[in-house]
Amino acid sequence: MLIIPGLLIGYTVHELGHALMAYFLGDYSQAEYGKITLNPFEHISWSGFVSFILFGVGWPKPLQANPLNFKRRYLDMFFVALSGPAASFMLSLIGLLLMLVAAASLVYISQTTTERVFLFLFPCFGLP
């Protein structure tokens, strides 16, 4: 149950990255389909969501970009395809930055060592 919020945010950011890139490159149908939104229910494929919960493999609703709306069809489709993973990567970097700020704040506030804070945040790396 704890993974569901991350899953919703990840699906939304990934598909929004695809939709925004397609929109900025000339495929305005993404606005018509309602894909340019932060509402996670517009991006979720319910069968993919249930599959992720049960089997650990899932998928969002795929973006349907029309290459005929682009000036450079193949290159622009490449950029649309690349923008989803790039958005997911940027989201993971932001999450890492927030985790580092939280860890540094804990070290500063508690006046303890970084090893103890690291073991508090990541107990699976502790010694038996």
Protein backbone atom coordinates (compact mmCIF):
# COMPACT_ATOMS: atom_id res chain seq x y z
CA MET A 1 0.00 0.00 0.00
CA LEU A 2 2.92 2.35 0.58
CA ILE A 3 4.04 2.13 -3.04
CA ILE A 4 0.72 3.33 -4.51
CA PRO A 5 1.35 7.11 -4.06
CA GLY A 6 4.77 6.79 -5.68
CA LEU A 7 3.25 4.75 -8.48
CA LEU A 8 0.58 7.39 -9.14
CA ILE A 9 3.13 10.21 -9.12
CA GLY A 10 5.54 8.25 -11.33
CA TYR A 11 2.89 7.37 -13.92
CA THR A 12 1.64 10.95 -13.99
CA VAL A 13 5.04 12.58 -14.40
CA HIS A 14 6.15 10.07 -17.03
CA GLU A 15 3.07 10.43 -19.22
CA LEU A 16 2.90 14.18 -18.68
CA GLY A 17 6.47 14.39 -19.99
CA HIS A 18 5.41 12.62 -23.19
CA ALA A 19 2.29 14.78 -23.58
CA LEU A 20 4.04 18.10 -23.01
CA MET A 21 6.80 17.30 -25.48
CA ALA A 22 4.27 16.25 -28.12
CA TYR A 23 2.28 19.42 -27.50
CA PHE A 24 5.32 21.69 -27.73
CA LEU A 25 6.46 19.99 -30.93
CA GLY A 26 3.13 20.62 -32.64
CA ASP A 27 0.74 17.77 -31.76
CA TYR A 28 -2.08 19.78 -30.17
CA SER A 29 -4.32 16.73 -29.92
CA GLN A 30 -2.86 16.06 -26.46
CA ALA A 31 -4.82 19.03 -25.11
CA GLU A 32 -7.96 17.72 -26.82
CA TYR A 33 -7.51 14.26 -25.27
CA GLY A 34 -7.03 15.80 -21.81
CA LYS A 35 -3.52 14.36 -21.40
CA ILE A 36 -1.91 17.61 -20.25
CA THR A 37 -3.01 17.37 -16.64
CA LEU A 38 -1.63 16.44 -13.23
CA ASN A 39 -4.69 14.30 -12.55
CA PRO A 40 -3.29 10.77 -12.16
CA PHE A 41 -6.60 9.16 -13.13
CA GLU A 42 -6.20 10.47 -16.68
CA HIS A 43 -2.92 8.56 -17.04
CA ILE A 44 -3.70 5.26 -15.29
CA SER A 45 -4.52 2.09 -17.13
CA TRP A 46 -6.49 0.15 -14.54
CA SER A 47 -5.41 -3.22 -15.89
CA GLY A 48 -1.77 -2.07 -15.74
CA PHE A 49 -2.29 -0.75 -12.20
CA VAL A 50 -3.80 -4.03 -10.97
CA SER A 51 -1.05 -5.96 -12.73
CA PHE A 52 1.57 -3.87 -10.93
CA ILE A 53 -0.06 -4.51 -7.55
CA LEU A 54 -0.33 -8.26 -8.18
CA PHE A 55 2.77 -9.06 -10.22
CA GLY A 56 5.09 -6.06 -9.91
CA VAL A 57 4.87 -5.18 -13.62
CA GLY A 58 2.50 -2.46 -14.78
CA TRP A 59 1.93 0.31 -17.30
CA PRO A 60 0.07 3.61 -17.68
CA LYS A 61 -2.19 4.57 -20.58
CA PRO A 62 0.02 4.98 -23.63
CA LEU A 63 0.20 8.37 -25.28
CA GLN A 64 -1.17 8.49 -28.81
CA ALA A 65 0.92 11.08 -30.59
CA ASN A 66 0.20 11.72 -34.25
CA PRO A 67 3.46 11.96 -36.21
CA LEU A 68 1.67 13.76 -39.06
CA ASN A 69 1.38 16.82 -36.81
CA PHE A 70 5.15 17.15 -36.42
CA LYS A 71 7.49 19.06 -38.74
CA ARG A 72 10.23 16.42 -38.52
CA ARG A 73 8.24 13.23 -38.01
CA TYR A 74 10.88 10.74 -36.95
CA LEU A 75 13.07 13.07 -34.95
CA ASP A 76 10.12 14.61 -33.12
CA MET A 77 8.68 11.18 -32.32
CA PHE A 78 12.10 10.26 -30.95
CA PHE A 79 11.99 13.31 -28.68
CA VAL A 80 8.45 12.47 -27.56
CA ALA A 81 9.53 8.91 -26.74
CA LEU A 82 12.61 10.14 -24.87
CA SER A 83 10.79 12.78 -22.83
CA GLY A 84 8.89 10.29 -20.61
CA PRO A 85 12.00 8.55 -19.25
CA ALA A 86 13.72 11.94 -18.97
CA ALA A 87 10.84 13.24 -16.85
CA SER A 88 11.01 10.12 -14.66
CA PHE A 89 14.76 10.58 -14.26
CA MET A 90 14.29 14.22 -13.25
CA LEU A 91 11.65 13.15 -10.71
CA SER A 92 14.10 10.64 -9.21
CA LEU A 93 16.80 13.33 -8.99
CA ILE A 94 14.37 15.63 -7.19
CA GLY A 95 13.50 12.79 -4.79
CA LEU A 96 17.20 12.15 -4.15
CA LEU A 97 17.77 15.84 -3.47
CA LEU A 98 14.88 15.92 -0.99
CA MET A 99 16.23 12.81 0.75
CA LEU A 100 19.69 14.38 1.04
CA VAL A 101 18.22 17.59 2.46
CA ALA A 102 16.21 15.55 4.96
CA ALA A 103 19.30 13.56 5.97
CA ALA A 104 21.42 16.69 6.33
CA SER A 105 18.69 18.32 8.41
CA LEU A 106 18.52 15.29 10.68
CA VAL A 107 22.29 15.34 11.17
CA TYR A 108 22.25 19.05 11.94
CA ILE A 109 19.23 19.00 14.27
CA SER A 110 20.09 15.81 16.19
CA GLN A 111 23.83 16.55 16.46
CA THR A 112 24.58 12.91 15.72
CA THR A 113 26.82 11.20 13.19
CA THR A 114 25.92 10.63 9.59
CA GLU A 115 26.28 6.87 10.06
CA ARG A 116 23.44 6.80 12.61
CA VAL A 117 21.19 8.92 10.40
CA PHE A 118 22.02 6.70 7.41
CA LEU A 119 21.08 3.60 9.40
CA PHE A 120 17.88 5.34 10.52
CA LEU A 121 16.88 6.16 6.94
CA PHE A 122 18.08 2.88 5.43
CA PRO A 123 17.81 0.16 8.10
CA CYS A 124 18.39 -2.62 5.56
CA PHE A 125 22.07 -1.58 5.29
CA GLY A 126 22.73 -2.09 8.99
CA LEU A 127 25.05 -4.75 10.30
CA PRO A 128 23.48 -7.77 12.01
